[in-house]
Amino acid sequence: MSTPAASGSAAGSSAGSAATMHIGAVAERTGLSLRSLRHWDEVGLVRPSGRTEGGFRLYTEPDVERILLVRRMKPLGFSLEEMGRLLELADRVAAGDADDAVRAELAGLVAAAQERRAELARKLDMADELIALLRAL
């Protein structure tokens, strides 16, 4: 695992005294591009907890966990809006504010993820069949 690129409090930062990482370290840890991380910040999907005096993004461990949650949704084809909604629901669960409507919406996202995973599995099976056919030529 990468070590934090910066720690301590950053002026103008809401990250406080929590250990923080610069965007490059977060990109390395998560396997995402700098461009994706910047885009997710710009659209409000996953914002860093703070910034340095120079304006560089500072991410905390909880920020990285949120990024990893979103990253897991990407291969399943969830939209940015769906990803954002999942984060909102996760925040409500973490805050102990998960009523029946929240639980039902989460169940719907689970069902959607299962369907999308099944579709990916079907595509992988077809790819395996193609590879076997090509090897047999």
C-alpha atoms as a PDB file:
ATOM      1  CA  MET A   1       0.000   0.000   0.000  1.00  0.00           C
ATOM      2  CA  SER A   2       1.089   3.523  -0.647  1.00  0.00           C
ATOM      3  CA  THR A   3       1.961   5.759   2.195  1.00  0.00           C
ATOM      4  CA  PRO A   4       0.189   9.071   2.497  1.00  0.00           C
ATOM      5  CA  ALA A   5       1.781  11.721   0.349  1.00  0.00           C
ATOM      6  CA  ALA A   6       0.932  14.413   2.857  1.00  0.00           C
ATOM      7  CA  SER A   7      -0.359  14.459   6.373  1.00  0.00           C
ATOM      8  CA  GLY A   8      -1.364  16.888   9.021  1.00  0.00           C
ATOM      9  CA  SER A   9      -3.610  19.841   8.513  1.00  0.00           C
ATOM     10  CA  ALA A  10      -3.559  21.718   5.257  1.00  0.00           C
ATOM     11  CA  ALA A  11      -4.385  25.382   5.220  1.00  0.00           C
ATOM     12  CA  GLY A  12      -7.784  25.986   3.699  1.00  0.00           C
ATOM     13  CA  SER A  13      -8.547  22.296   4.089  1.00  0.00           C
ATOM     14  CA  SER A  14     -11.436  20.565   5.744  1.00  0.00           C
ATOM     15  CA  ALA A  15      -9.326  17.406   6.046  1.00  0.00           C
ATOM     16  CA  GLY A  16      -8.257  18.436   9.548  1.00  0.00           C
ATOM     17  CA  SER A  17      -5.564  16.347  11.168  1.00  0.00           C
ATOM     18  CA  ALA A  18      -6.456  13.122   9.333  1.00  0.00           C
ATOM     19  CA  ALA A  19      -3.714  11.596   7.202  1.00  0.00           C
ATOM     20  CA  THR A  20      -4.163  12.660   3.611  1.00  0.00           C
ATOM     21  CA  MET A  21      -2.925  11.613   0.195  1.00  0.00           C
ATOM     22  CA  HIS A  22      -2.384  13.591  -2.967  1.00  0.00           C
ATOM     23  CA  ILE A  23      -4.270  12.608  -6.091  1.00  0.00           C
ATOM     24  CA  GLY A  24      -1.321  10.689  -7.579  1.00  0.00           C
ATOM     25  CA  ALA A  25      -1.138   8.361  -4.582  1.00  0.00           C
ATOM     26  CA  VAL A  26      -4.898   7.842  -4.717  1.00  0.00           C
ATOM     27  CA  ALA A  27      -4.751   7.074  -8.440  1.00  0.00           C
ATOM     28  CA  GLU A  28      -1.996   4.529  -7.822  1.00  0.00           C
ATOM     29  CA  ARG A  29      -3.900   2.871  -4.964  1.00  0.00           C
ATOM     30  CA  THR A  30      -7.207   2.697  -6.791  1.00  0.00           C
ATOM     31  CA  GLY A  31      -5.998   1.952 -10.309  1.00  0.00           C
ATOM     32  CA  LEU A  32      -7.883   4.963 -11.633  1.00  0.00           C
ATOM     33  CA  SER A  33      -6.599   7.751 -13.810  1.00  0.00           C
ATOM     34  CA  LEU A  34      -5.979  11.262 -12.553  1.00  0.00           C
ATOM     35  CA  ARG A  35      -8.501  12.363 -15.146  1.00  0.00           C
ATOM     36  CA  SER A  36     -11.250  10.153 -13.649  1.00  0.00           C
ATOM     37  CA  LEU A  37     -10.545  11.380 -10.129  1.00  0.00           C
ATOM     38  CA  ARG A  38     -10.580  15.003 -11.258  1.00  0.00           C
ATOM     39  CA  HIS A  39     -13.780  14.467 -13.213  1.00  0.00           C
ATOM     40  CA  TRP A  40     -15.512  12.812 -10.258  1.00  0.00           C
ATOM     41  CA  ASP A  41     -14.528  15.819  -8.136  1.00  0.00           C
ATOM     42  CA  GLU A  42     -15.732  18.315 -10.747  1.00  0.00           C
ATOM     43  CA  VAL A  43     -19.149  16.640 -11.093  1.00  0.00           C
ATOM     44  CA  GLY A  44     -19.476  16.269  -7.316  1.00  0.00           C
ATOM     45  CA  LEU A  45     -19.390  12.467  -7.251  1.00  0.00           C
ATOM     46  CA  VAL A  46     -16.407  12.035  -4.919  1.00  0.00           C
ATOM     47  CA  ARG A  47     -14.817  15.204  -3.615  1.00  0.00           C
ATOM     48  CA  PRO A  48     -11.532  15.219  -1.721  1.00  0.00           C
ATOM     49  CA  SER A  49     -11.791  16.159   1.952  1.00  0.00           C
ATOM     50  CA  GLY A  50      -9.390  19.050   1.551  1.00  0.00           C
ATOM     51  CA  ARG A  51      -6.913  21.000  -0.497  1.00  0.00           C
ATOM     52  CA  THR A  52      -3.439  22.324   0.077  1.00  0.00           C
ATOM     53  CA  GLU A  53      -2.714  26.043   0.097  1.00  0.00           C
ATOM     54  CA  GLY A  54      -1.743  25.586  -3.546  1.00  0.00           C
ATOM     55  CA  GLY A  55      -5.086  23.996  -4.378  1.00  0.00           C
ATOM     56  CA  PHE A  56      -3.930  20.392  -4.674  1.00  0.00           C
ATOM     57  CA  ARG A  57      -6.538  17.794  -3.766  1.00  0.00           C
ATOM     58  CA  LEU A  58      -6.072  15.949  -0.461  1.00  0.00           C
ATOM     59  CA  TYR A  59      -7.884  12.655   0.037  1.00  0.00           C
ATOM     60  CA  THR A  60      -8.482  10.831   3.315  1.00  0.00           C
ATOM     61  CA  GLU A  61      -8.906   7.095   3.805  1.00  0.00           C
ATOM     62  CA  PRO A  62     -12.729   7.437   3.813  1.00  0.00           C
ATOM     63  CA  ASP A  63     -12.455   9.332   0.506  1.00  0.00           C
ATOM     64  CA  VAL A  64     -10.481   6.417  -0.949  1.00  0.00           C
ATOM     65  CA  GLU A  65     -13.110   3.944   0.287  1.00  0.00           C
ATOM     66  CA  ARG A  66     -15.804   5.975  -1.518  1.00  0.00           C
ATOM     67  CA  ILE A  67     -13.681   6.029  -4.670  1.00  0.00           C
ATOM     68  CA  LEU A  68     -13.265   2.252  -4.492  1.00  0.00           C
ATOM     69  CA  LEU A  69     -17.031   1.821  -4.127  1.00  0.00           C
ATOM     70  CA  VAL A  70     -17.584   3.891  -7.267  1.00  0.00           C
ATOM     71  CA  ARG A  71     -14.797   2.059  -9.089  1.00  0.00           C
ATOM     72  CA  ARG A  72     -16.590  -1.225  -8.417  1.00  0.00           C
ATOM     73  CA  MET A  73     -19.702   0.156 -10.111  1.00  0.00           C
ATOM     74  CA  LYS A  74     -17.872   1.254 -13.284  1.00  0.00           C
ATOM     75  CA  PRO A  75     -17.491  -2.179 -14.933  1.00  0.00           C
ATOM     76  CA  LEU A  76     -21.186  -2.807 -14.416  1.00  0.00           C
ATOM     77  CA  GLY A  77     -22.082   0.258 -16.437  1.00  0.00           C
ATOM     78  CA  PHE A  78     -23.758   2.318 -13.732  1.00  0.00           C
ATOM     79  CA  SER A  79     -24.211   5.980 -14.654  1.00  0.00           C
ATOM     80  CA  LEU A  80     -22.653   8.822 -12.693  1.00  0.00           C
ATOM     81  CA  GLU A  81     -26.129   9.622 -11.380  1.00  0.00           C
ATOM     82  CA  GLU A  82     -26.623   6.041 -10.173  1.00  0.00           C
ATOM     83  CA  MET A  83     -23.185   6.088  -8.570  1.00  0.00           C
ATOM     84  CA  GLY A  84     -23.976   9.345  -6.815  1.00  0.00           C
ATOM     85  CA  ARG A  85     -27.289   7.992  -5.575  1.00  0.00           C
ATOM     86  CA  LEU A  86     -25.573   4.892  -4.170  1.00  0.00           C
ATOM     87  CA  LEU A  87     -23.150   7.119  -2.263  1.00  0.00           C
ATOM     88  CA  GLU A  88     -26.093   9.115  -0.866  1.00  0.00           C
ATOM     89  CA  LEU A  89     -27.784   5.908   0.259  1.00  0.00           C
ATOM     90  CA  ALA A  90     -24.544   4.604   1.782  1.00  0.00           C
ATOM     91  CA  ASP A  91     -24.186   7.870   3.707  1.00  0.00           C
ATOM     92  CA  ARG A  92     -27.709   7.514   5.050  1.00  0.00           C
ATOM     93  CA  VAL A  93     -27.041   3.943   6.172  1.00  0.00           C
ATOM     94  CA  ALA A  94     -23.785   5.027   7.847  1.00  0.00           C
ATOM     95  CA  ALA A  95     -25.645   7.853   9.627  1.00  0.00           C
ATOM     96  CA  GLY A  96     -28.287   5.426  10.903  1.00  0.00           C
ATOM     97  CA  ASP A  97     -30.909   7.125   8.733  1.00  0.00           C
ATOM     98  CA  ALA A  98     -31.888   4.133   6.589  1.00  0.00           C
ATOM     99  CA  ASP A  99     -35.665   3.843   6.510  1.00  0.00           C
ATOM    100  CA  ASP A 100     -37.659   1.287   4.510  1.00  0.00           C
ATOM    101  CA  ALA A 101     -37.478   3.429   1.357  1.00  0.00           C
ATOM    102  CA  VAL A 102     -33.677   3.581   1.563  1.00  0.00           C
ATOM    103  CA  ARG A 103     -33.457  -0.175   2.139  1.00  0.00           C
ATOM    104  CA  ALA A 104     -35.790  -0.808  -0.814  1.00  0.00           C
ATOM    105  CA  GLU A 105     -33.729   1.431  -3.080  1.00  0.00           C
ATOM    106  CA  LEU A 106     -30.539  -0.336  -1.999  1.00  0.00           C
ATOM    107  CA  ALA A 107     -32.192  -3.689  -2.724  1.00  0.00           C
ATOM    108  CA  GLY A 108     -33.004  -2.406  -6.203  1.00  0.00           C
ATOM    109  CA  LEU A 109     -29.362  -1.463  -6.741  1.00  0.00           C
ATOM    110  CA  VAL A 110     -28.284  -4.914  -5.559  1.00  0.00           C
ATOM    111  CA  ALA A 111     -30.681  -6.526  -8.043  1.00  0.00           C
ATOM    112  CA  ALA A 112     -29.410  -4.269 -10.847  1.00  0.00           C
ATOM    113  CA  ALA A 113     -25.795  -5.121  -9.987  1.00  0.00           C
ATOM    114  CA  GLN A 114     -26.608  -8.844  -9.999  1.00  0.00           C
ATOM    115  CA  GLU A 115     -28.278  -8.571 -13.416  1.00  0.00           C
ATOM    116  CA  ARG A 116     -25.363  -6.621 -14.833  1.00  0.00           C
ATOM    117  CA  ARG A 117     -22.876  -9.100 -13.396  1.00  0.00           C
ATOM    118  CA  ALA A 118     -24.806 -11.990 -14.969  1.00  0.00           C
ATOM    119  CA  GLU A 119     -24.651 -10.217 -18.335  1.00  0.00           C
ATOM    120  CA  LEU A 120     -20.885  -9.779 -17.967  1.00  0.00           C
ATOM    121  CA  ALA A 121     -20.568 -13.480 -17.104  1.00  0.00           C
ATOM    122  CA  ARG A 122     -22.490 -14.370 -20.295  1.00  0.00           C
ATOM    123  CA  LYS A 123     -20.136 -12.178 -22.322  1.00  0.00           C
ATOM    124  CA  LEU A 124     -17.105 -13.820 -20.716  1.00  0.00           C
ATOM    125  CA  ASP A 125     -18.496 -17.254 -21.561  1.00  0.00           C
ATOM    126  CA  MET A 126     -18.899 -16.175 -25.204  1.00  0.00           C
ATOM    127  CA  ALA A 127     -15.345 -14.806 -25.204  1.00  0.00           C
ATOM    128  CA  ASP A 128     -14.061 -18.121 -23.837  1.00  0.00           C
ATOM    129  CA  GLU A 129     -15.947 -19.975 -26.582  1.00  0.00           C
ATOM    130  CA  LEU A 130     -14.431 -17.715 -29.236  1.00  0.00           C
ATOM    131  CA  ILE A 131     -10.928 -18.221 -27.861  1.00  0.00           C
ATOM    132  CA  ALA A 132     -11.440 -22.001 -27.885  1.00  0.00           C
ATOM    133  CA  LEU A 133     -12.704 -21.885 -31.472  1.00  0.00           C
ATOM    134  CA  LEU A 134      -9.764 -19.761 -32.580  1.00  0.00           C
ATOM    135  CA  ARG A 135      -7.283 -22.089 -30.918  1.00  0.00           C
ATOM    136  CA  ALA A 136      -8.870 -25.028 -32.684  1.00  0.00           C
ATOM    137  CA  LEU A 137      -8.225 -23.478 -36.136  1.00  0.00           C
END
